[in-house]
Amino acid sequence: MLIVLFLGLIVYLRVQRQPERRYRELRQRVIAEFGNQHPEQWSESVPGVKTRINTGKKVIALTLDACGSDGDGYDGALIDYLKSNNIPATLFINARWIDKNPGIFNQLAQEPLFEIENHGFEHKPCSVNGKSIYGIQGTRDAGEVVDEIEKNGLKIQALTGRKPEYYRSGTAYYDEIGAAIAGKLGYAVVGFSVLGDRGASYSREQVKNALLGAAAGSIIICHMNHPEKETAEGVIEAIPELKKKGFSFVKLSGCSLK
């Protein structure tokens, strides 16, 4: 009997370690492929970053980031407006924000209007050499890129039962090697064609005007983590006018991106 229990324990421990082993192997494969490559570009739109929906129809994708830095909150007014007006959105959520708002995250994940996507584990720019932007240091090498992307992807999968399809880095900055690694991990890297609130720094009028500049296939970036700012007011004013112009809103899933 003791032998059976002992063998059962060994099998259990091996099963428990399988995800960890697979992760290590994935990380090593990425390092072997990309570790000696040197980037030449650093921007929000390097090769591999999708910034538009590939369509001529008057559809817009509203994407909202939740970053999780100090002072972050939850813009319930914005989310409630979208729900009450049946406006779909794609939510890029960072692991730190999830940890600070577990109950709200669970509610958002269960809302059919929204899809939860990957905004990184520590909200780092996607770099293979530690390049910084806005005073935030990027990932330092290929292994850190894997950790930044995949740890949050697996976290979201564990919480929701669905692994994200899309990735946006912290600050939305990349080098071309980091973007290629994200693609290797199975993510479409999503940027934007309309800067909706400039990191939640725009006034109500600036947000509104930015959104009204959207065209067919635009991907709008705004933020849902700063209720003290005026993002919600600007979005709420812009959406009815966009609808009058014949625009409708879609989630990214199911769309062809370019």
C-alpha atoms as a PDB file:
ATOM      1  CA  MET A   1       0.000   0.000   0.000  1.00  0.00           C
ATOM      2  CA  LEU A   2       2.807   2.407   0.881  1.00  0.00           C
ATOM      3  CA  ILE A   3       4.514   1.640  -2.434  1.00  0.00           C
ATOM      4  CA  VAL A   4       1.304   2.463  -4.327  1.00  0.00           C
ATOM      5  CA  LEU A   5       0.931   5.764  -2.460  1.00  0.00           C
ATOM      6  CA  PHE A   6       4.574   6.604  -3.088  1.00  0.00           C
ATOM      7  CA  LEU A   7       4.284   5.904  -6.805  1.00  0.00           C
ATOM      8  CA  GLY A   8       1.074   7.929  -6.925  1.00  0.00           C
ATOM      9  CA  LEU A   9       2.866  10.873  -5.305  1.00  0.00           C
ATOM     10  CA  ILE A  10       5.664  10.686  -7.878  1.00  0.00           C
ATOM     11  CA  VAL A  11       3.162  10.728 -10.743  1.00  0.00           C
ATOM     12  CA  TYR A  12       1.310  13.671  -9.152  1.00  0.00           C
ATOM     13  CA  LEU A  13       4.509  15.694  -8.751  1.00  0.00           C
ATOM     14  CA  ARG A  14       5.523  14.995 -12.333  1.00  0.00           C
ATOM     15  CA  VAL A  15       2.128  16.175 -13.608  1.00  0.00           C
ATOM     16  CA  GLN A  16       2.348  19.310 -11.478  1.00  0.00           C
ATOM     17  CA  ARG A  17       5.769  20.120 -12.916  1.00  0.00           C
ATOM     18  CA  GLN A  18       4.821  19.660 -16.561  1.00  0.00           C
ATOM     19  CA  PRO A  19       3.615  23.259 -17.144  1.00  0.00           C
ATOM     20  CA  GLU A  20       6.763  24.613 -15.513  1.00  0.00           C
ATOM     21  CA  ARG A  21       8.947  22.396 -17.694  1.00  0.00           C
ATOM     22  CA  ARG A  22       7.060  23.376 -20.858  1.00  0.00           C
ATOM     23  CA  TYR A  23       7.492  27.039 -19.955  1.00  0.00           C
ATOM     24  CA  ARG A  24      11.250  26.629 -19.453  1.00  0.00           C
ATOM     25  CA  GLU A  25      11.554  24.812 -22.758  1.00  0.00           C
ATOM     26  CA  LEU A  26       9.570  27.508 -24.577  1.00  0.00           C
ATOM     27  CA  ARG A  27      11.734  30.219 -23.041  1.00  0.00           C
ATOM     28  CA  GLN A  28      14.929  28.447 -24.067  1.00  0.00           C
ATOM     29  CA  ARG A  29      13.688  27.951 -27.647  1.00  0.00           C
ATOM     30  CA  VAL A  30      12.938  31.665 -27.957  1.00  0.00           C
ATOM     31  CA  ILE A  31      16.331  32.611 -26.514  1.00  0.00           C
ATOM     32  CA  ALA A  32      18.057  30.228 -28.931  1.00  0.00           C
ATOM     33  CA  GLU A  33      16.242  31.764 -31.914  1.00  0.00           C
ATOM     34  CA  PHE A  34      16.263  35.446 -31.010  1.00  0.00           C
ATOM     35  CA  GLY A  35      18.925  35.892 -28.336  1.00  0.00           C
ATOM     36  CA  ASN A  36      21.694  36.988 -30.705  1.00  0.00           C
ATOM     37  CA  GLN A  37      19.579  39.297 -32.855  1.00  0.00           C
ATOM     38  CA  HIS A  38      20.031  43.038 -32.589  1.00  0.00           C
ATOM     39  CA  PRO A  39      17.144  45.449 -33.152  1.00  0.00           C
ATOM     40  CA  GLU A  40      17.364  48.470 -35.404  1.00  0.00           C
ATOM     41  CA  GLN A  41      13.956  50.013 -34.763  1.00  0.00           C
ATOM     42  CA  TRP A  42      12.132  51.355 -31.714  1.00  0.00           C
ATOM     43  CA  SER A  43       8.625  52.771 -32.051  1.00  0.00           C
ATOM     44  CA  GLU A  44       4.908  52.148 -31.731  1.00  0.00           C
ATOM     45  CA  SER A  45       4.669  50.787 -35.260  1.00  0.00           C
ATOM     46  CA  VAL A  46       7.626  48.513 -35.980  1.00  0.00           C
ATOM     47  CA  PRO A  47       7.101  45.618 -38.415  1.00  0.00           C
ATOM     48  CA  GLY A  48       4.691  43.089 -36.946  1.00  0.00           C
ATOM     49  CA  VAL A  49       2.521  45.629 -35.100  1.00  0.00           C
ATOM     50  CA  LYS A  50      -1.058  45.756 -36.379  1.00  0.00           C
ATOM     51  CA  THR A  51      -2.607  49.206 -36.339  1.00  0.00           C
ATOM     52  CA  ARG A  52      -5.821  48.859 -38.362  1.00  0.00           C
ATOM     53  CA  ILE A  53      -8.640  46.493 -39.221  1.00  0.00           C
ATOM     54  CA  ASN A  54      -8.289  45.315 -42.795  1.00  0.00           C
ATOM     55  CA  THR A  55     -11.664  46.532 -44.052  1.00  0.00           C
ATOM     56  CA  GLY A  56     -13.327  49.298 -46.014  1.00  0.00           C
ATOM     57  CA  LYS A  57     -16.450  49.098 -43.877  1.00  0.00           C
ATOM     58  CA  LYS A  58     -17.227  51.811 -41.345  1.00  0.00           C
ATOM     59  CA  VAL A  59     -16.256  49.785 -38.308  1.00  0.00           C
ATOM     60  CA  ILE A  60     -14.052  50.858 -35.406  1.00  0.00           C
ATOM     61  CA  ALA A  61     -12.332  48.840 -32.683  1.00  0.00           C
ATOM     62  CA  LEU A  62     -12.292  50.607 -29.323  1.00  0.00           C
ATOM     63  CA  THR A  63      -9.448  49.248 -27.192  1.00  0.00           C
ATOM     64  CA  LEU A  64      -8.964  50.150 -23.539  1.00  0.00           C
ATOM     65  CA  ASP A  65      -5.763  49.652 -21.543  1.00  0.00           C
ATOM     66  CA  ALA A  66      -5.547  48.951 -17.807  1.00  0.00           C
ATOM     67  CA  CYS A  67      -1.932  49.362 -16.725  1.00  0.00           C
ATOM     68  CA  GLY A  68      -1.824  48.728 -12.983  1.00  0.00           C
ATOM     69  CA  SER A  69       0.717  51.343 -11.960  1.00  0.00           C
ATOM     70  CA  ASP A  70       0.593  53.294  -8.691  1.00  0.00           C
ATOM     71  CA  GLY A  71      -2.562  55.392  -8.481  1.00  0.00           C
ATOM     72  CA  ASP A  72      -4.451  53.331 -11.041  1.00  0.00           C
ATOM     73  CA  GLY A  73      -8.157  52.860 -10.563  1.00  0.00           C
ATOM     74  CA  TYR A  74     -11.180  51.718 -12.533  1.00  0.00           C
ATOM     75  CA  ASP A  75     -13.222  53.949 -14.813  1.00  0.00           C
ATOM     76  CA  GLY A  76     -16.626  52.485 -14.004  1.00  0.00           C
ATOM     77  CA  ALA A  77     -18.432  55.362 -15.707  1.00  0.00           C
ATOM     78  CA  LEU A  78     -16.789  54.506 -19.023  1.00  0.00           C
ATOM     79  CA  ILE A  79     -17.429  50.777 -18.745  1.00  0.00           C
ATOM     80  CA  ASP A  80     -21.030  51.280 -17.603  1.00  0.00           C
ATOM     81  CA  TYR A  81     -21.680  53.546 -20.580  1.00  0.00           C
ATOM     82  CA  LEU A  82     -20.330  50.949 -23.002  1.00  0.00           C
ATOM     83  CA  LYS A  83     -22.466  48.230 -21.436  1.00  0.00           C
ATOM     84  CA  SER A  84     -25.648  50.296 -21.354  1.00  0.00           C
ATOM     85  CA  ASN A  85     -25.188  51.295 -24.998  1.00  0.00           C
ATOM     86  CA  ASN A  86     -24.116  47.857 -26.240  1.00  0.00           C
ATOM     87  CA  ILE A  87     -20.666  49.037 -27.384  1.00  0.00           C
ATOM     88  CA  PRO A  88     -18.131  46.193 -27.632  1.00  0.00           C
ATOM     89  CA  ALA A  89     -14.515  46.795 -26.657  1.00  0.00           C
ATOM     90  CA  THR A  90     -11.216  44.978 -26.402  1.00  0.00           C
ATOM     91  CA  LEU A  91      -9.586  45.332 -22.978  1.00  0.00           C
ATOM     92  CA  PHE A  92      -5.791  45.080 -22.683  1.00  0.00           C
ATOM     93  CA  ILE A  93      -5.164  44.331 -19.013  1.00  0.00           C
ATOM     94  CA  ASN A  94      -1.899  44.147 -17.109  1.00  0.00           C
ATOM     95  CA  ALA A  95      -1.253  41.575 -14.381  1.00  0.00           C
ATOM     96  CA  ARG A  96      -0.751  44.283 -11.739  1.00  0.00           C
ATOM     97  CA  TRP A  97      -4.192  45.727 -12.461  1.00  0.00           C
ATOM     98  CA  ILE A  98      -5.737  42.265 -12.197  1.00  0.00           C
ATOM     99  CA  ASP A  99      -4.141  41.763  -8.781  1.00  0.00           C
ATOM    100  CA  LYS A 100      -5.444  45.142  -7.586  1.00  0.00           C
ATOM    101  CA  ASN A 101      -8.975  44.600  -8.955  1.00  0.00           C
ATOM    102  CA  PRO A 102      -9.748  40.865  -8.912  1.00  0.00           C
ATOM    103  CA  GLY A 103     -13.513  41.226  -8.474  1.00  0.00           C
ATOM    104  CA  ILE A 104     -13.868  43.825 -11.218  1.00  0.00           C
ATOM    105  CA  PHE A 105     -11.647  41.766 -13.509  1.00  0.00           C
ATOM    106  CA  ASN A 106     -13.905  38.762 -13.024  1.00  0.00           C
ATOM    107  CA  GLN A 107     -16.959  40.840 -13.909  1.00  0.00           C
ATOM    108  CA  LEU A 108     -15.313  42.199 -17.043  1.00  0.00           C
ATOM    109  CA  ALA A 109     -14.221  38.731 -18.126  1.00  0.00           C
ATOM    110  CA  GLN A 110     -17.818  37.514 -17.911  1.00  0.00           C
ATOM    111  CA  GLU A 111     -19.236  40.406 -19.957  1.00  0.00           C
ATOM    112  CA  PRO A 112     -19.924  39.223 -23.547  1.00  0.00           C
ATOM    113  CA  LEU A 113     -19.382  42.715 -24.938  1.00  0.00           C
ATOM    114  CA  PHE A 114     -15.719  42.641 -23.912  1.00  0.00           C
ATOM    115  CA  GLU A 115     -12.698  40.478 -24.613  1.00  0.00           C
ATOM    116  CA  ILE A 116      -9.702  40.346 -22.287  1.00  0.00           C
ATOM    117  CA  GLU A 117      -6.283  40.651 -23.923  1.00  0.00           C
ATOM    118  CA  ASN A 118      -2.664  40.761 -22.805  1.00  0.00           C
ATOM    119  CA  HIS A 119      -1.053  44.021 -21.632  1.00  0.00           C
ATOM    120  CA  GLY A 120       1.997  42.402 -20.083  1.00  0.00           C
ATOM    121  CA  PHE A 121       3.042  41.237 -16.639  1.00  0.00           C
ATOM    122  CA  GLU A 122       4.857  44.343 -15.387  1.00  0.00           C
ATOM    123  CA  HIS A 123       3.792  46.866 -18.055  1.00  0.00           C
ATOM    124  CA  LYS A 124       7.218  47.008 -19.697  1.00  0.00           C
ATOM    125  CA  PRO A 125       8.023  48.262 -23.185  1.00  0.00           C
ATOM    126  CA  CYS A 126       8.867  45.332 -25.463  1.00  0.00           C
ATOM    127  CA  SER A 127      12.636  45.466 -25.969  1.00  0.00           C
ATOM    128  CA  VAL A 128      15.428  42.906 -26.220  1.00  0.00           C
ATOM    129  CA  ASN A 129      18.102  45.306 -24.948  1.00  0.00           C
ATOM    130  CA  GLY A 130      16.464  47.228 -22.102  1.00  0.00           C
ATOM    131  CA  LYS A 131      15.557  50.300 -24.122  1.00  0.00           C
ATOM    132  CA  SER A 132      13.371  52.781 -22.247  1.00  0.00           C
ATOM    133  CA  ILE A 133      10.513  55.111 -23.126  1.00  0.00           C
ATOM    134  CA  TYR A 134       8.649  57.624 -20.927  1.00  0.00           C
ATOM    135  CA  GLY A 135      11.096  56.746 -18.148  1.00  0.00           C
ATOM    136  CA  ILE A 136      10.026  53.084 -18.125  1.00  0.00           C
ATOM    137  CA  GLN A 137      12.737  50.513 -18.795  1.00  0.00           C
ATOM    138  CA  GLY A 138      11.875  47.823 -21.293  1.00  0.00           C
ATOM    139  CA  THR A 139      12.532  44.124 -21.080  1.00  0.00           C
ATOM    140  CA  ARG A 140      16.276  43.507 -21.190  1.00  0.00           C
ATOM    141  CA  ASP A 141      16.570  40.414 -23.380  1.00  0.00           C
ATOM    142  CA  ALA A 142      14.617  37.762 -25.246  1.00  0.00           C
ATOM    143  CA  GLY A 143      13.975  35.746 -22.097  1.00  0.00           C
ATOM    144  CA  GLU A 144      12.468  38.752 -20.329  1.00  0.00           C
ATOM    145  CA  VAL A 145      10.214  39.375 -23.341  1.00  0.00           C
ATOM    146  CA  VAL A 146       8.853  35.850 -22.928  1.00  0.00           C
ATOM    147  CA  ASP A 147       8.297  36.416 -19.207  1.00  0.00           C
ATOM    148  CA  GLU A 148       6.585  39.775 -19.718  1.00  0.00           C
ATOM    149  CA  ILE A 149       4.182  38.397 -22.309  1.00  0.00           C
ATOM    150  CA  GLU A 150       3.611  34.795 -21.391  1.00  0.00           C
ATOM    151  CA  LYS A 151       3.269  35.124 -17.621  1.00  0.00           C
ATOM    152  CA  ASN A 152       0.335  37.465 -18.046  1.00  0.00           C
ATOM    153  CA  GLY A 153      -1.147  35.400 -20.862  1.00  0.00           C
ATOM    154  CA  LEU A 154      -1.091  32.302 -18.669  1.00  0.00           C
ATOM    155  CA  LYS A 155      -2.469  34.271 -15.725  1.00  0.00           C
ATOM    156  CA  ILE A 156      -5.440  35.463 -17.771  1.00  0.00           C
ATOM    157  CA  GLN A 157      -5.981  31.948 -19.122  1.00  0.00           C
ATOM    158  CA  ALA A 158      -6.020  30.503 -15.601  1.00  0.00           C
ATOM    159  CA  LEU A 159      -8.580  33.086 -14.478  1.00  0.00           C
ATOM    160  CA  THR A 160     -10.859  33.068 -17.517  1.00  0.00           C
ATOM    161  CA  GLY A 161     -10.350  29.742 -19.257  1.00  0.00           C
ATOM    162  CA  ARG A 162      -9.280  31.579 -22.431  1.00  0.00           C
ATOM    163  CA  LYS A 163      -5.760  32.501 -23.435  1.00  0.00           C
ATOM    164  CA  PRO A 164      -5.502  35.973 -24.996  1.00  0.00           C
ATOM    165  CA  GLU A 165      -4.994  36.262 -28.753  1.00  0.00           C
ATOM    166  CA  TYR A 166      -3.632  39.816 -28.779  1.00  0.00           C
ATOM    167  CA  TYR A 167      -0.771  41.591 -27.031  1.00  0.00           C
ATOM    168  CA  ARG A 168      -0.026  45.262 -26.479  1.00  0.00           C
ATOM    169  CA  SER A 169       3.119  46.115 -24.553  1.00  0.00           C
ATOM    170  CA  GLY A 170       3.331  48.582 -21.726  1.00  0.00           C
ATOM    171  CA  THR A 171       3.649  52.035 -23.390  1.00  0.00           C
ATOM    172  CA  ALA A 172       2.846  50.356 -26.769  1.00  0.00           C
ATOM    173  CA  TYR A 173       6.530  50.598 -27.734  1.00  0.00           C
ATOM    174  CA  TYR A 174       8.496  47.755 -29.358  1.00  0.00           C
ATOM    175  CA  ASP A 175      11.635  46.899 -31.173  1.00  0.00           C
ATOM    176  CA  GLU A 176      11.154  44.626 -34.166  1.00  0.00           C
ATOM    177  CA  ILE A 177      12.749  41.637 -32.417  1.00  0.00           C
ATOM    178  CA  GLY A 178      10.404  41.913 -29.432  1.00  0.00           C
ATOM    179  CA  ALA A 179       7.420  42.114 -31.762  1.00  0.00           C
ATOM    180  CA  ALA A 180       8.649  39.025 -33.595  1.00  0.00           C
ATOM    181  CA  ILE A 181       8.956  37.145 -30.290  1.00  0.00           C
ATOM    182  CA  ALA A 182       5.353  38.028 -29.431  1.00  0.00           C
ATOM    183  CA  GLY A 183       4.322  36.585 -32.780  1.00  0.00           C
ATOM    184  CA  LYS A 184       6.360  33.453 -32.069  1.00  0.00           C
ATOM    185  CA  LEU A 185       4.419  33.077 -28.815  1.00  0.00           C
ATOM    186  CA  GLY A 186       1.183  33.109 -30.810  1.00  0.00           C
ATOM    187  CA  TYR A 187       0.013  36.683 -30.283  1.00  0.00           C
ATOM    188  CA  ALA A 188      -1.036  39.309 -32.769  1.00  0.00           C
ATOM    189  CA  VAL A 189       0.672  42.514 -31.649  1.00  0.00           C
ATOM    190  CA  VAL A 190      -1.848  45.363 -31.618  1.00  0.00           C
ATOM    191  CA  GLY A 191      -0.981  49.029 -31.787  1.00  0.00           C
ATOM    192  CA  PHE A 192      -3.406  51.763 -32.790  1.00  0.00           C
ATOM    193  CA  SER A 193      -4.294  54.216 -35.537  1.00  0.00           C
ATOM    194  CA  VAL A 194      -6.140  56.689 -33.287  1.00  0.00           C
ATOM    195  CA  LEU A 195      -4.446  57.992 -30.125  1.00  0.00           C
ATOM    196  CA  GLY A 196      -7.620  58.447 -28.133  1.00  0.00           C
ATOM    197  CA  ASP A 197      -6.489  59.895 -24.819  1.00  0.00           C
ATOM    198  CA  ARG A 198      -2.663  59.981 -24.824  1.00  0.00           C
ATOM    199  CA  GLY A 199      -2.224  57.900 -21.696  1.00  0.00           C
ATOM    200  CA  ALA A 200      -5.360  59.411 -20.123  1.00  0.00           C
ATOM    201  CA  SER A 201      -3.787  62.867 -20.290  1.00  0.00           C
ATOM    202  CA  TYR A 202      -6.189  64.425 -22.807  1.00  0.00           C
ATOM    203  CA  SER A 203      -9.041  66.715 -21.859  1.00  0.00           C
ATOM    204  CA  ARG A 204     -12.640  65.767 -22.630  1.00  0.00           C
ATOM    205  CA  GLU A 205     -12.573  67.887 -25.796  1.00  0.00           C
ATOM    206  CA  GLN A 206      -9.262  66.421 -26.956  1.00  0.00           C
ATOM    207  CA  VAL A 207     -10.542  62.868 -26.464  1.00  0.00           C
ATOM    208  CA  LYS A 208     -13.717  63.654 -28.357  1.00  0.00           C
ATOM    209  CA  ASN A 209     -11.874  65.264 -31.260  1.00  0.00           C
ATOM    210  CA  ALA A 210      -9.392  62.393 -31.461  1.00  0.00           C
ATOM    211  CA  LEU A 211     -12.180  59.822 -31.718  1.00  0.00           C
ATOM    212  CA  LEU A 212     -14.084  61.862 -34.289  1.00  0.00           C
ATOM    213  CA  GLY A 213     -10.994  61.617 -36.486  1.00  0.00           C
ATOM    214  CA  ALA A 214     -11.456  57.849 -36.782  1.00  0.00           C
ATOM    215  CA  ALA A 215     -11.852  56.305 -40.223  1.00  0.00           C
ATOM    216  CA  ALA A 216     -13.033  52.934 -41.503  1.00  0.00           C
ATOM    217  CA  GLY A 217     -10.979  50.227 -39.799  1.00  0.00           C
ATOM    218  CA  SER A 218      -9.471  52.436 -37.102  1.00  0.00           C
ATOM    219  CA  ILE A 219      -8.152  50.941 -33.879  1.00  0.00           C
ATOM    220  CA  ILE A 220      -8.592  53.443 -31.043  1.00  0.00           C
ATOM    221  CA  ILE A 221      -6.484  53.316 -27.896  1.00  0.00           C
ATOM    222  CA  CYS A 222      -7.845  54.774 -24.651  1.00  0.00           C
ATOM    223  CA  HIS A 223      -7.485  53.924 -20.964  1.00  0.00           C
ATOM    224  CA  MET A 224      -9.902  52.517 -18.395  1.00  0.00           C
ATOM    225  CA  ASN A 225      -7.632  52.902 -15.359  1.00  0.00           C
ATOM    226  CA  HIS A 226      -7.904  56.628 -14.650  1.00  0.00           C
ATOM    227  CA  PRO A 227     -11.431  57.567 -13.565  1.00  0.00           C
ATOM    228  CA  GLU A 228     -10.126  60.893 -12.269  1.00  0.00           C
ATOM    229  CA  LYS A 229      -9.275  61.979 -15.849  1.00  0.00           C
ATOM    230  CA  GLU A 230     -11.629  62.948 -18.693  1.00  0.00           C
ATOM    231  CA  THR A 231     -11.401  59.921 -20.974  1.00  0.00           C
ATOM    232  CA  ALA A 232     -14.913  58.745 -20.170  1.00  0.00           C
ATOM    233  CA  GLU A 233     -16.471  62.142 -20.847  1.00  0.00           C
ATOM    234  CA  GLY A 234     -14.783  62.445 -24.226  1.00  0.00           C
ATOM    235  CA  VAL A 235     -15.681  58.902 -25.305  1.00  0.00           C
ATOM    236  CA  ILE A 236     -19.280  59.342 -24.186  1.00  0.00           C
ATOM    237  CA  GLU A 237     -19.599  62.519 -26.244  1.00  0.00           C
ATOM    238  CA  ALA A 238     -17.907  61.074 -29.335  1.00  0.00           C
ATOM    239  CA  ILE A 239     -19.700  57.741 -29.699  1.00  0.00           C
ATOM    240  CA  PRO A 240     -23.170  59.130 -30.567  1.00  0.00           C
ATOM    241  CA  GLU A 241     -21.624  61.366 -33.215  1.00  0.00           C
ATOM    242  CA  LEU A 242     -19.653  58.468 -34.677  1.00  0.00           C
ATOM    243  CA  LYS A 243     -22.846  56.432 -34.837  1.00  0.00           C
ATOM    244  CA  LYS A 244     -24.587  59.270 -36.687  1.00  0.00           C
ATOM    245  CA  LYS A 245     -21.785  59.114 -39.242  1.00  0.00           C
ATOM    246  CA  GLY A 246     -22.592  55.442 -39.803  1.00  0.00           C
ATOM    247  CA  PHE A 247     -19.820  53.862 -37.755  1.00  0.00           C
ATOM    248  CA  SER A 248     -20.296  50.722 -35.685  1.00  0.00           C
ATOM    249  CA  PHE A 249     -17.995  49.148 -33.116  1.00  0.00           C
ATOM    250  CA  VAL A 250     -16.388  45.689 -33.062  1.00  0.00           C
ATOM    251  CA  LYS A 251     -14.075  43.634 -30.917  1.00  0.00           C
ATOM    252  CA  LEU A 252     -10.750  42.682 -32.468  1.00  0.00           C
ATOM    253  CA  SER A 253     -11.460  38.955 -32.434  1.00  0.00           C
ATOM    254  CA  GLY A 254     -12.651  37.745 -35.802  1.00  0.00           C
ATOM    255  CA  CYS A 255     -11.193  40.776 -37.584  1.00  0.00           C
ATOM    256  CA  SER A 256      -8.388  40.703 -40.120  1.00  0.00           C
ATOM    257  CA  LEU A 257      -5.735  43.174 -38.966  1.00  0.00           C
ATOM    258  CA  LYS A 258      -3.023  45.004 -40.846  1.00  0.00           C
END
